[in-house]
PDB file of N, CA and C in Angstrom:
ATOM      1  N   MET A   1       9.583  -0.398   5.745  1.00  0.00           N
ATOM      2  CA  MET A   1       9.791   0.386   4.139  1.00  0.00           C
ATOM      3  C   MET A   1       8.210   1.241   4.235  1.00  0.00           C
ATOM      4  N   ARG A   2       8.493   1.720   3.717  1.00  0.00           N
ATOM      5  CA  ARG A   2       7.559   2.584   3.109  1.00  0.00           C
ATOM      6  C   ARG A   2       7.248   2.864   1.955  1.00  0.00           C
ATOM      7  N   TYR A   3       5.665   2.748   1.516  1.00  0.00           N
ATOM      8  CA  TYR A   3       5.212   2.974  -0.173  1.00  0.00           C
ATOM      9  C   TYR A   3       4.268   4.177  -0.160  1.00  0.00           C
ATOM     10  N   ARG A   4       4.288   4.845  -1.339  1.00  0.00           N
ATOM     11  CA  ARG A   4       2.944   6.118  -1.662  1.00  0.00           C
ATOM     12  C   ARG A   4       1.608   5.380  -1.700  1.00  0.00           C
ATOM     13  N   CYS A   5       0.938   6.002  -0.282  1.00  0.00           N
ATOM     14  CA  CYS A   5      -0.894   5.701  -0.550  1.00  0.00           C
ATOM     15  C   CYS A   5      -1.284   6.089  -1.550  1.00  0.00           C
ATOM     16  N   PRO A   6      -2.196   5.330  -2.237  1.00  0.00           N
ATOM     17  CA  PRO A   6      -3.330   5.969  -3.214  1.00  0.00           C
ATOM     18  C   PRO A   6      -4.266   6.491  -3.169  1.00  0.00           C
ATOM     19  N   LYS A   7      -4.372   6.579  -1.749  1.00  0.00           N
ATOM     20  CA  LYS A   7      -5.680   7.905  -1.419  1.00  0.00           C
ATOM     21  C   LYS A   7      -5.341   8.958  -1.108  1.00  0.00           C
ATOM     22  N   CYS A   8      -4.022   8.646  -0.105  1.00  0.00           N
ATOM     23  CA  CYS A   8      -4.026  10.503   0.303  1.00  0.00           C
ATOM     24  C   CYS A   8      -2.901  10.764  -0.458  1.00  0.00           C
ATOM     25  N   ASN A   9      -1.731   9.934  -1.478  1.00  0.00           N
ATOM     26  CA  ASN A   9      -0.957  10.317  -2.062  1.00  0.00           C
ATOM     27  C   ASN A   9       0.411  10.944  -1.271  1.00  0.00           C
ATOM     28  N   ARG A  10       1.018  10.495   0.206  1.00  0.00           N
ATOM     29  CA  ARG A  10       2.031  10.340   0.398  1.00  0.00           C
ATOM     30  C   ARG A  10       2.434   9.160   1.251  1.00  0.00           C
ATOM     31  N   TYR A  11       3.770   9.292   1.315  1.00  0.00           N
ATOM     32  CA  TYR A  11       4.475   7.956   1.442  1.00  0.00           C
ATOM     33  C   TYR A  11       4.286   7.381   3.042  1.00  0.00           C
ATOM     34  N   GLY A  12       2.889   6.739   3.196  1.00  0.00           N
ATOM     35  CA  GLY A  12       2.614   6.183   4.768  1.00  0.00           C
ATOM     36  C   GLY A  12       1.969   5.028   4.701  1.00  0.00           C
ATOM     37  N   MET A  13       2.424   4.267   3.764  1.00  0.00           N
ATOM     38  CA  MET A  13       1.919   2.363   3.334  1.00  0.00           C
ATOM     39  C   MET A  13       3.101   2.276   4.131  1.00  0.00           C
ATOM     40  N   GLN A  14       2.611   1.094   5.288  1.00  0.00           N
ATOM     41  CA  GLN A  14       3.204  -0.126   5.792  1.00  0.00           C
ATOM     42  C   GLN A  14       2.458  -1.145   5.513  1.00  0.00           C
ATOM     43  N   TRP A  15       3.377  -2.401   5.454  1.00  0.00           N
ATOM     44  CA  TRP A  15       3.035  -4.101   6.068  1.00  0.00           C
ATOM     45  C   TRP A  15       2.448  -3.981   7.182  1.00  0.00           C
ATOM     46  N   ASP A  16       1.411  -4.075   7.726  1.00  0.00           N
ATOM     47  CA  ASP A  16       1.330  -4.695   9.222  1.00  0.00           C
ATOM     48  C   ASP A  16       1.159  -6.168   9.404  1.00  0.00           C
ATOM     49  N   ALA A  17       2.408  -6.348  10.429  1.00  0.00           N
ATOM     50  CA  ALA A  17       2.068  -8.279   9.946  1.00  0.00           C
ATOM     51  C   ALA A  17       1.285  -8.830  10.996  1.00  0.00           C
ATOM     52  N   ARG A  18       0.879  -8.142  12.014  1.00  0.00           N
ATOM     53  CA  ARG A  18      -0.239  -8.783  12.700  1.00  0.00           C
ATOM     54  C   ARG A  18      -1.308  -9.070  12.324  1.00  0.00           C
ATOM     55  N   ALA A  19      -1.849  -7.483  11.087  1.00  0.00           N
ATOM     56  CA  ALA A  19      -3.316  -7.912   9.984  1.00  0.00           C
ATOM     57  C   ALA A  19      -3.237  -8.183   9.299  1.00  0.00           C
ATOM     58  N   LYS A  20      -1.830  -8.404   8.830  1.00  0.00           N
ATOM     59  CA  LYS A  20      -1.583  -9.105   7.958  1.00  0.00           C
ATOM     60  C   LYS A  20      -2.151  -8.284   6.505  1.00  0.00           C
ATOM     61  N   VAL A  21      -2.175  -6.872   6.653  1.00  0.00           N
ATOM     62  CA  VAL A  21      -3.052  -5.669   5.491  1.00  0.00           C
ATOM     63  C   VAL A  21      -1.533  -4.699   5.558  1.00  0.00           C
ATOM     64  N   LEU A  22      -1.947  -3.634   4.239  1.00  0.00           N
ATOM     65  CA  LEU A  22      -0.863  -2.433   4.003  1.00  0.00           C
ATOM     66  C   LEU A  22      -1.545  -1.911   4.623  1.00  0.00           C
ATOM     67  N   VAL A  23      -1.340  -0.903   5.491  1.00  0.00           N
ATOM     68  CA  VAL A  23      -1.904   0.420   6.271  1.00  0.00           C
ATOM     69  C   VAL A  23      -1.279   1.626   5.943  1.00  0.00           C
ATOM     70  N   CYS A  24      -2.086   2.877   5.383  1.00  0.00           N
ATOM     71  CA  CYS A  24      -1.691   4.210   5.649  1.00  0.00           C
ATOM     72  C   CYS A  24      -1.204   4.650   7.098  1.00  0.00           C
ATOM     73  N   TYR A  25      -0.159   4.863   7.788  1.00  0.00           N
ATOM     74  CA  TYR A  25      -0.157   5.154   9.330  1.00  0.00           C
ATOM     75  C   TYR A  25      -0.347   6.607   9.340  1.00  0.00           C
ATOM     76  N   TYR A  26      -0.869   7.426   8.333  1.00  0.00           N
ATOM     77  CA  TYR A  26      -1.265   8.994   8.558  1.00  0.00           C
ATOM     78  C   TYR A  26      -2.642   8.217   9.574  1.00  0.00           C
ATOM     79  N   SER A  27      -2.825   9.322  10.569  1.00  0.00           N
ATOM     80  CA  SER A  27      -3.957   9.397  11.286  1.00  0.00           C
ATOM     81  C   SER A  27      -5.352  10.489  10.631  1.00  0.00           C
ATOM     82  N   THR A  28      -4.643  10.964   9.597  1.00  0.00           N
ATOM     83  CA  THR A  28      -5.652  11.503   8.888  1.00  0.00           C
ATOM     84  C   THR A  28      -6.648  10.428   7.498  1.00  0.00           C
ATOM     85  N   CYS A  29      -5.663   9.619   7.517  1.00  0.00           N
ATOM     86  CA  CYS A  29      -5.901   8.723   6.104  1.00  0.00           C
ATOM     87  C   CYS A  29      -6.481   7.380   6.695  1.00  0.00           C
ATOM     88  N   ASN A  30      -4.993   6.499   7.438  1.00  0.00           N
ATOM     89  CA  ASN A  30      -5.483   5.245   7.523  1.00  0.00           C
ATOM     90  C   ASN A  30      -6.298   4.524   6.849  1.00  0.00           C
ATOM     91  N   TYR A  31      -6.218   4.589   5.431  1.00  0.00           N
ATOM     92  CA  TYR A  31      -6.255   3.681   4.460  1.00  0.00           C
ATOM     93  C   TYR A  31      -5.929   2.207   4.525  1.00  0.00           C
ATOM     94  N   VAL A  32      -6.628   1.073   4.127  1.00  0.00           N
ATOM     95  CA  VAL A  32      -6.166  -0.135   4.312  1.00  0.00           C
ATOM     96  C   VAL A  32      -6.583  -0.821   2.979  1.00  0.00           C
ATOM     97  N   ILE A  33      -5.105  -1.711   2.808  1.00  0.00           N
ATOM     98  CA  ILE A  33      -5.410  -2.287   1.654  1.00  0.00           C
ATOM     99  C   ILE A  33      -5.139  -3.711   2.092  1.00  0.00           C
ATOM    100  N   ARG A  34      -6.170  -4.844   1.865  1.00  0.00           N
ATOM    101  CA  ARG A  34      -6.352  -6.318   2.170  1.00  0.00           C
ATOM    102  C   ARG A  34      -5.368  -6.804   0.948  1.00  0.00           C
ATOM    103  N   MET A  35      -4.539  -7.506   1.148  1.00  0.00           N
ATOM    104  CA  MET A  35      -4.048  -8.578   0.087  1.00  0.00           C
ATOM    105  C   MET A  35      -4.504  -9.681   0.439  1.00  0.00           C
ATOM    106  N   ASN A  36      -4.355 -10.790  -0.638  1.00  0.00           N
ATOM    107  CA  ASN A  36      -4.304 -12.359  -0.785  1.00  0.00           C
ATOM    108  C   ASN A  36      -3.461 -12.913   0.350  1.00  0.00           C
ATOM    109  N   ASN A  37      -4.132 -14.125   1.087  1.00  0.00           N
ATOM    110  CA  ASN A  37      -3.472 -14.271   2.465  1.00  0.00           C
ATOM    111  C   ASN A  37      -2.091 -14.608   2.203  1.00  0.00           C
ATOM    112  N   HIS A  38      -1.361 -13.887   3.100  1.00  0.00           N
ATOM    113  CA  HIS A  38      -0.066 -14.246   2.750  1.00  0.00           C
ATOM    114  C   HIS A  38       0.397 -14.866   4.707  1.00  0.00           C
ATOM    115  N   GLN A  39       1.343 -15.474   4.538  1.00  0.00           N
ATOM    116  CA  GLN A  39       1.479 -16.532   5.714  1.00  0.00           C
ATOM    117  C   GLN A  39       3.016 -15.309   5.973  1.00  0.00           C
ATOM    118  N   ASP A  40       3.707 -14.836   5.363  1.00  0.00           N
ATOM    119  CA  ASP A  40       4.752 -14.235   5.386  1.00  0.00           C
ATOM    120  C   ASP A  40       4.825 -12.847   4.712  1.00  0.00           C
ATOM    121  N   ILE A  41       5.853 -12.217   4.900  1.00  0.00           N
ATOM    122  CA  ILE A  41       5.604 -10.516   4.030  1.00  0.00           C
ATOM    123  C   ILE A  41       6.428 -10.649   3.140  1.00  0.00           C
ATOM    124  N   PRO A  42       5.018 -10.250   2.680  1.00  0.00           N
ATOM    125  CA  PRO A  42       5.053 -10.149   0.484  1.00  0.00           C
ATOM    126  C   PRO A  42       6.445  -9.213   0.319  1.00  0.00           C
ATOM    127  N   ARG A  43       6.691  -9.573  -0.856  1.00  0.00           N
ATOM    128  CA  ARG A  43       7.677  -9.112  -1.893  1.00  0.00           C
ATOM    129  C   ARG A  43       7.133  -7.659  -1.790  1.00  0.00           C
ATOM    130  N   THR A  44       8.695  -7.181  -2.317  1.00  0.00           N
ATOM    131  CA  THR A  44       8.085  -5.300  -2.672  1.00  0.00           C
ATOM    132  C   THR A  44       7.409  -5.285  -4.170  1.00  0.00           C
ATOM    133  N   LYS A  45       7.613  -6.286  -4.857  1.00  0.00           N
ATOM    134  CA  LYS A  45       6.773  -6.365  -6.076  1.00  0.00           C
ATOM    135  C   LYS A  45       5.208  -6.582  -6.156  1.00  0.00           C
ATOM    136  N   GLN A  46       5.491  -7.496  -4.956  1.00  0.00           N
ATOM    137  CA  GLN A  46       4.219  -8.192  -4.460  1.00  0.00           C
ATOM    138  C   GLN A  46       2.827  -6.537  -4.020  1.00  0.00           C
ATOM    139  N   ILE A  47       3.602  -6.009  -3.329  1.00  0.00           N
ATOM    140  CA  ILE A  47       3.006  -4.919  -2.865  1.00  0.00           C
ATOM    141  C   ILE A  47       2.725  -3.924  -3.758  1.00  0.00           C
ATOM    142  N   ILE A  48       3.875  -3.911  -4.728  1.00  0.00           N
ATOM    143  CA  ILE A  48       3.622  -2.350  -5.509  1.00  0.00           C
ATOM    144  C   ILE A  48       2.415  -2.586  -6.093  1.00  0.00           C
ATOM    145  N   SER A  49       2.176  -3.523  -6.814  1.00  0.00           N
ATOM    146  CA  SER A  49       1.324  -3.957  -7.537  1.00  0.00           C
ATOM    147  C   SER A  49      -0.028  -4.414  -7.175  1.00  0.00           C
ATOM    148  N   ALA A  50      -0.224  -4.235  -5.865  1.00  0.00           N
ATOM    149  CA  ALA A  50      -1.621  -4.360  -4.813  1.00  0.00           C
ATOM    150  C   ALA A  50      -1.749  -2.880  -5.037  1.00  0.00           C
ATOM    151  N   ILE A  51      -0.685  -2.079  -4.466  1.00  0.00           N
ATOM    152  CA  ILE A  51      -1.167  -0.555  -4.586  1.00  0.00           C
ATOM    153  C   ILE A  51      -1.480   0.080  -5.784  1.00  0.00           C
ATOM    154  N   LYS A  52      -0.557  -0.076  -7.246  1.00  0.00           N
ATOM    155  CA  LYS A  52      -1.250  -0.070  -8.232  1.00  0.00           C
ATOM    156  C   LYS A  52      -2.506   0.046  -8.428  1.00  0.00           C
ATOM    157  N   LYS A  53      -3.112  -1.578  -8.229  1.00  0.00           N
ATOM    158  CA  LYS A  53      -4.433  -2.058  -8.314  1.00  0.00           C
ATOM    159  C   LYS A  53      -5.624  -1.643  -7.955  1.00  0.00           C
ATOM    160  N   GLU A  54      -5.242  -1.124  -6.737  1.00  0.00           N
ATOM    161  CA  GLU A  54      -6.025  -0.560  -5.613  1.00  0.00           C
ATOM    162  C   GLU A  54      -5.872   1.137  -6.087  1.00  0.00           C
ATOM    163  N   ALA A  55      -4.941   2.001  -6.459  1.00  0.00           N
ATOM    164  CA  ALA A  55      -4.935   3.313  -7.205  1.00  0.00           C
ATOM    165  C   ALA A  55      -5.692   2.955  -8.156  1.00  0.00           C
ATOM    166  N   LYS A  56      -6.165   2.194  -9.187  1.00  0.00           N
ATOM    167  CA  LYS A  56      -6.963   2.456 -10.239  1.00  0.00           C
ATOM    168  C   LYS A  56      -8.026   1.903  -9.981  1.00  0.00           C
ATOM    169  N   GLU A  57      -8.789   1.559  -8.743  1.00  0.00           N
ATOM    170  CA  GLU A  57      -9.802   1.168  -8.480  1.00  0.00           C
ATOM    171  C   GLU A  57     -10.070   2.678  -7.797  1.00  0.00           C
ATOM    172  N   ILE A  58      -9.945   3.345  -6.906  1.00  0.00           N
ATOM    173  CA  ILE A  58      -9.924   4.100  -6.165  1.00  0.00           C
ATOM    174  C   ILE A  58      -9.856   5.451  -6.842  1.00  0.00           C
ATOM    175  N   GLN A  59      -8.936   6.183  -7.652  1.00  0.00           N
ATOM    176  CA  GLN A  59      -8.560   7.322  -8.382  1.00  0.00           C
ATOM    177  C   GLN A  59      -8.455   6.838  -9.575  1.00  0.00           C
ATOM    178  N   HIS A  60      -8.938   6.044 -10.421  1.00  0.00           N
ATOM    179  CA  HIS A  60      -9.222   6.098 -11.649  1.00  0.00           C
ATOM    180  C   HIS A  60      -8.066   6.456 -12.702  1.00  0.00           C
ATOM    181  N   LYS A  61      -7.013   5.921 -11.814  1.00  0.00           N
ATOM    182  CA  LYS A  61      -5.558   6.494 -12.308  1.00  0.00           C
ATOM    183  C   LYS A  61      -4.405   5.355 -12.188  1.00  0.00           C
ATOM    184  N   ASN A  62      -3.043   6.057 -12.493  1.00  0.00           N
ATOM    185  CA  ASN A  62      -2.200   4.769 -12.619  1.00  0.00           C
ATOM    186  C   ASN A  62      -1.276   6.129 -11.760  1.00  0.00           C
ATOM    187  N   ILE A  63      -0.311   5.025 -10.548  1.00  0.00           N
ATOM    188  CA  ILE A  63       0.461   5.679  -9.619  1.00  0.00           C
ATOM    189  C   ILE A  63       2.040   5.234 -10.495  1.00  0.00           C
ATOM    190  N   ASP A  64       2.864   5.753 -11.000  1.00  0.00           N
ATOM    191  CA  ASP A  64       4.202   5.222 -11.406  1.00  0.00           C
ATOM    192  C   ASP A  64       4.944   5.409 -10.631  1.00  0.00           C
ATOM    193  N   ASN A  65       5.102   6.442  -9.848  1.00  0.00           N
ATOM    194  CA  ASN A  65       6.052   6.703  -8.592  1.00  0.00           C
ATOM    195  C   ASN A  65       5.534   5.713  -7.347  1.00  0.00           C
ATOM    196  N   ILE A  66       5.573   4.587  -7.242  1.00  0.00           N
ATOM    197  CA  ILE A  66       5.238   4.044  -5.458  1.00  0.00           C
ATOM    198  C   ILE A  66       6.965   3.488  -5.476  1.00  0.00           C
ATOM    199  N   ILE A  67       7.820   4.198  -5.367  1.00  0.00           N
ATOM    200  CA  ILE A  67       9.276   4.164  -4.856  1.00  0.00           C
ATOM    201  C   ILE A  67       9.046   4.030  -3.383  1.00  0.00           C
ATOM    202  N   PRO A  68       9.343   2.606  -2.811  1.00  0.00           N
ATOM    203  CA  PRO A  68       9.728   2.189  -1.174  1.00  0.00           C
ATOM    204  C   PRO A  68      10.642   3.651  -1.000  1.00  0.00           C
ATOM    205  N   ILE A  69      10.360   3.876   0.406  1.00  0.00           N
ATOM    206  CA  ILE A  69      11.386   4.892   1.087  1.00  0.00           C
ATOM    207  C   ILE A  69      11.897   3.831   2.135  1.00  0.00           C
ATOM    208  N   ALA A  70      13.146   4.048   2.578  1.00  0.00           N
ATOM    209  CA  ALA A  70      13.564   3.285   3.719  1.00  0.00           C
ATOM    210  C   ALA A  70      13.409   3.951   4.801  1.00  0.00           C
TER     211      ALA A  70
END
C-alpha cells in the first residue's frame, strides 16, 4: 500500500519492514519518516497520523487526502 509523501506530494510512501520506517520510493525524493518502535506492521491509522504530523512540521500545513492506494 502506498501513501502520499508529505515532501513531494506524490503517492510514494511505503512501509519498509527491514528499516522499520516509511520511505518515499521516488529516487528524486527518498524522504524518510521514522516512527515509534514497531515490532510489527503499523496500522493504516498509525501511518496516516505519522504522515500528517510530518506534513505539519515540514510544510506547515495539513494534508487531508492521504488515502492509501493499493
